[in-house]
Amino acid sequence: MDLEKNKANAIAFYKTAYEGNPKKAVDLYVGSEYIQHNPEVEDGLDGFVAYFERMRKEYPVKSIEFVRCIAENDIVALHTHQTWPENDEYVTMDFLRFDEHGKICEHWDAIQQIPKESANPNTMY
């Protein structure tokens, strides 16, 4: 496994889909199988594309910052800071598994909205 290449591809995949071109993200970075563990998204390639196309239509103005990217074996972990309309902010942690050909084949995530107030002065990212 080329960990640095997997990290670069994970970021490019997520950014391409998030910014409105999920079909291109799938074509470039996903293998023949895509297992989805997010309960809000249908399993498989079509479910992934449909979800991000809907997000593009419903929320055309949003941004993402990749705070951390960590790779080990066949897994890449992404830690992001997302800003959505009306300044709704979220922290996400995505885990992407790569197959033996260096293509993404499985996804898990956790999403948490950043509250307006915090009990401590530390950021969530």
C-alpha atoms as a PDB file:
ATOM      1  CA  MET A   1       0.000   0.000   0.000  1.00  0.00           C
ATOM      2  CA  ASP A   2       1.216   3.473  -0.900  1.00  0.00           C
ATOM      3  CA  LEU A   3      -0.010   5.376   2.173  1.00  0.00           C
ATOM      4  CA  GLU A   4       0.842   8.837   0.842  1.00  0.00           C
ATOM      5  CA  LYS A   5      -0.969   8.160  -2.435  1.00  0.00           C
ATOM      6  CA  ASN A   6      -3.977   6.778  -0.554  1.00  0.00           C
ATOM      7  CA  LYS A   7      -4.068   9.907   1.622  1.00  0.00           C
ATOM      8  CA  ALA A   8      -3.940  12.200  -1.419  1.00  0.00           C
ATOM      9  CA  ASN A   9      -6.624  10.151  -3.184  1.00  0.00           C
ATOM     10  CA  ALA A  10      -8.884  10.118  -0.112  1.00  0.00           C
ATOM     11  CA  ILE A  11      -8.766  13.910   0.124  1.00  0.00           C
ATOM     12  CA  ALA A  12      -9.277  14.346  -3.625  1.00  0.00           C
ATOM     13  CA  PHE A  13     -12.186  11.880  -3.596  1.00  0.00           C
ATOM     14  CA  TYR A  14     -13.979  13.574  -0.708  1.00  0.00           C
ATOM     15  CA  LYS A  15     -13.320  17.108  -1.984  1.00  0.00           C
ATOM     16  CA  THR A  16     -14.472  16.278  -5.525  1.00  0.00           C
ATOM     17  CA  ALA A  17     -17.735  14.768  -4.261  1.00  0.00           C
ATOM     18  CA  TYR A  18     -18.325  17.473  -1.628  1.00  0.00           C
ATOM     19  CA  GLU A  19     -17.778  20.281  -4.116  1.00  0.00           C
ATOM     20  CA  GLY A  20     -20.415  18.872  -6.450  1.00  0.00           C
ATOM     21  CA  ASN A  21     -18.984  16.223  -8.739  1.00  0.00           C
ATOM     22  CA  PRO A  22     -19.591  12.837  -7.085  1.00  0.00           C
ATOM     23  CA  LYS A  23     -19.689  10.950 -10.403  1.00  0.00           C
ATOM     24  CA  LYS A  24     -16.162  12.143 -11.209  1.00  0.00           C
ATOM     25  CA  ALA A  25     -15.046  11.196  -7.667  1.00  0.00           C
ATOM     26  CA  VAL A  26     -16.379   7.663  -8.166  1.00  0.00           C
ATOM     27  CA  ASP A  27     -14.868   7.341 -11.647  1.00  0.00           C
ATOM     28  CA  LEU A  28     -11.416   8.426 -10.472  1.00  0.00           C
ATOM     29  CA  TYR A  29     -11.086   6.951  -6.982  1.00  0.00           C
ATOM     30  CA  VAL A  30     -13.542   4.101  -6.328  1.00  0.00           C
ATOM     31  CA  GLY A  31     -13.185   0.465  -7.280  1.00  0.00           C
ATOM     32  CA  SER A  32     -15.906  -1.879  -8.509  1.00  0.00           C
ATOM     33  CA  GLU A  33     -17.408  -2.161  -5.009  1.00  0.00           C
ATOM     34  CA  TYR A  34     -18.370   0.575  -2.541  1.00  0.00           C
ATOM     35  CA  ILE A  35     -19.711  -0.415   0.869  1.00  0.00           C
ATOM     36  CA  GLN A  36     -21.444   2.437   2.704  1.00  0.00           C
ATOM     37  CA  HIS A  37     -21.895   2.467   6.482  1.00  0.00           C
ATOM     38  CA  ASN A  38     -23.524   5.912   6.855  1.00  0.00           C
ATOM     39  CA  PRO A  39     -27.220   5.141   7.528  1.00  0.00           C
ATOM     40  CA  GLU A  40     -28.274   8.325   5.664  1.00  0.00           C
ATOM     41  CA  VAL A  41     -26.743   7.123   2.376  1.00  0.00           C
ATOM     42  CA  GLU A  42     -27.791   4.134   0.286  1.00  0.00           C
ATOM     43  CA  ASP A  43     -25.198   1.402  -0.174  1.00  0.00           C
ATOM     44  CA  GLY A  44     -23.175   1.248  -3.374  1.00  0.00           C
ATOM     45  CA  LEU A  45     -21.955   3.663  -6.016  1.00  0.00           C
ATOM     46  CA  ASP A  46     -25.387   4.912  -7.084  1.00  0.00           C
ATOM     47  CA  GLY A  47     -26.327   5.719  -3.497  1.00  0.00           C
ATOM     48  CA  PHE A  48     -23.132   7.725  -3.008  1.00  0.00           C
ATOM     49  CA  VAL A  49     -23.632   9.715  -6.208  1.00  0.00           C
ATOM     50  CA  ALA A  50     -27.317  10.372  -5.474  1.00  0.00           C
ATOM     51  CA  TYR A  51     -26.553  11.625  -1.957  1.00  0.00           C
ATOM     52  CA  PHE A  52     -23.890  14.107  -3.044  1.00  0.00           C
ATOM     53  CA  GLU A  53     -25.931  15.298  -6.029  1.00  0.00           C
ATOM     54  CA  ARG A  54     -28.799  16.035  -3.635  1.00  0.00           C
ATOM     55  CA  MET A  55     -26.426  17.882  -1.290  1.00  0.00           C
ATOM     56  CA  ARG A  56     -25.169  19.964  -4.236  1.00  0.00           C
ATOM     57  CA  LYS A  57     -28.727  21.011  -5.143  1.00  0.00           C
ATOM     58  CA  GLU A  58     -29.949  21.623  -1.586  1.00  0.00           C
ATOM     59  CA  TYR A  59     -26.749  23.274  -0.292  1.00  0.00           C
ATOM     60  CA  PRO A  60     -24.794  24.804  -3.185  1.00  0.00           C
ATOM     61  CA  VAL A  61     -22.753  27.056  -0.888  1.00  0.00           C
ATOM     62  CA  LYS A  62     -20.623  25.156   1.602  1.00  0.00           C
ATOM     63  CA  SER A  63     -16.940  24.692   2.354  1.00  0.00           C
ATOM     64  CA  ILE A  64     -14.624  22.032   3.709  1.00  0.00           C
ATOM     65  CA  GLU A  65     -11.215  22.129   5.338  1.00  0.00           C
ATOM     66  CA  PHE A  66      -9.170  18.965   5.773  1.00  0.00           C
ATOM     67  CA  VAL A  67      -7.670  19.272   9.236  1.00  0.00           C
ATOM     68  CA  ARG A  68      -5.999  15.860   9.510  1.00  0.00           C
ATOM     69  CA  CYS A  69      -5.365  12.883   7.284  1.00  0.00           C
ATOM     70  CA  ILE A  70      -3.929   9.695   8.753  1.00  0.00           C
ATOM     71  CA  ALA A  71      -3.200   6.423   6.963  1.00  0.00           C
ATOM     72  CA  GLU A  72      -2.468   2.959   8.267  1.00  0.00           C
ATOM     73  CA  ASN A  73      -2.532  -0.285   6.290  1.00  0.00           C
ATOM     74  CA  ASP A  74      -5.572  -0.046   3.976  1.00  0.00           C
ATOM     75  CA  ILE A  75      -7.443   2.683   5.941  1.00  0.00           C
ATOM     76  CA  VAL A  76      -7.301   6.464   5.582  1.00  0.00           C
ATOM     77  CA  ALA A  77      -8.894   8.656   8.245  1.00  0.00           C
ATOM     78  CA  LEU A  78     -10.007  12.201   7.395  1.00  0.00           C
ATOM     79  CA  HIS A  79     -10.820  14.832  10.022  1.00  0.00           C
ATOM     80  CA  THR A  80     -12.668  17.783   8.489  1.00  0.00           C
ATOM     81  CA  HIS A  81     -14.213  21.108   9.401  1.00  0.00           C
ATOM     82  CA  GLN A  82     -17.274  21.898   7.292  1.00  0.00           C
ATOM     83  CA  THR A  83     -19.230  25.136   7.055  1.00  0.00           C
ATOM     84  CA  TRP A  84     -22.751  24.978   5.655  1.00  0.00           C
ATOM     85  CA  PRO A  85     -25.379  27.681   4.971  1.00  0.00           C
ATOM     86  CA  GLU A  86     -26.207  30.030   7.842  1.00  0.00           C
ATOM     87  CA  ASN A  87     -22.761  29.252   9.302  1.00  0.00           C
ATOM     88  CA  ASP A  88     -23.753  25.802  10.543  1.00  0.00           C
ATOM     89  CA  GLU A  89     -20.437  24.132  11.266  1.00  0.00           C
ATOM     90  CA  TYR A  90     -19.663  20.436  11.532  1.00  0.00           C
ATOM     91  CA  VAL A  91     -16.707  18.258  12.370  1.00  0.00           C
ATOM     92  CA  THR A  92     -16.547  14.966  10.500  1.00  0.00           C
ATOM     93  CA  MET A  93     -14.349  11.939  10.802  1.00  0.00           C
ATOM     94  CA  ASP A  94     -14.380   9.687   7.772  1.00  0.00           C
ATOM     95  CA  PHE A  95     -12.670   6.350   7.381  1.00  0.00           C
ATOM     96  CA  LEU A  96     -12.040   5.026   3.885  1.00  0.00           C
ATOM     97  CA  ARG A  97     -10.800   1.525   3.130  1.00  0.00           C
ATOM     98  CA  PHE A  98      -8.737   0.954   0.001  1.00  0.00           C
ATOM     99  CA  ASP A  99      -8.627  -2.271  -1.996  1.00  0.00           C
ATOM    100  CA  GLU A 100      -5.472  -3.971  -3.283  1.00  0.00           C
ATOM    101  CA  HIS A 101      -5.599  -1.780  -6.431  1.00  0.00           C
ATOM    102  CA  GLY A 102      -5.492   1.475  -4.447  1.00  0.00           C
ATOM    103  CA  LYS A 103      -9.200   2.206  -4.975  1.00  0.00           C
ATOM    104  CA  ILE A 104     -11.693   3.187  -2.275  1.00  0.00           C
ATOM    105  CA  CYS A 105     -14.081   0.355  -1.475  1.00  0.00           C
ATOM    106  CA  GLU A 106     -15.638   1.098   1.939  1.00  0.00           C
ATOM    107  CA  HIS A 107     -16.662   4.138   4.025  1.00  0.00           C
ATOM    108  CA  TRP A 108     -17.570   4.897   7.644  1.00  0.00           C
ATOM    109  CA  ASP A 109     -18.143   8.335   9.183  1.00  0.00           C
ATOM    110  CA  ALA A 110     -19.148  10.266  12.271  1.00  0.00           C
ATOM    111  CA  ILE A 111     -20.569  13.785  12.079  1.00  0.00           C
ATOM    112  CA  GLN A 112     -21.025  16.244  14.916  1.00  0.00           C
ATOM    113  CA  GLN A 113     -22.368  19.776  14.750  1.00  0.00           C
ATOM    114  CA  ILE A 114     -20.162  22.386  16.392  1.00  0.00           C
ATOM    115  CA  PRO A 115     -22.219  24.036  19.142  1.00  0.00           C
ATOM    116  CA  LYS A 116     -22.467  27.816  19.471  1.00  0.00           C
ATOM    117  CA  GLU A 117     -21.086  27.552  23.013  1.00  0.00           C
ATOM    118  CA  SER A 118     -18.559  25.176  24.572  1.00  0.00           C
ATOM    119  CA  ALA A 119     -17.704  24.232  28.138  1.00  0.00           C
ATOM    120  CA  ASN A 120     -14.014  24.601  27.229  1.00  0.00           C
ATOM    121  CA  PRO A 121     -11.919  26.907  24.990  1.00  0.00           C
ATOM    122  CA  ASN A 122     -10.677  24.095  22.721  1.00  0.00           C
ATOM    123  CA  THR A 123     -11.838  23.644  19.148  1.00  0.00           C
ATOM    124  CA  MET A 124     -13.339  20.357  17.997  1.00  0.00           C
ATOM    125  CA  TYR A 125     -10.689  20.111  15.322  1.00  0.00           C
END
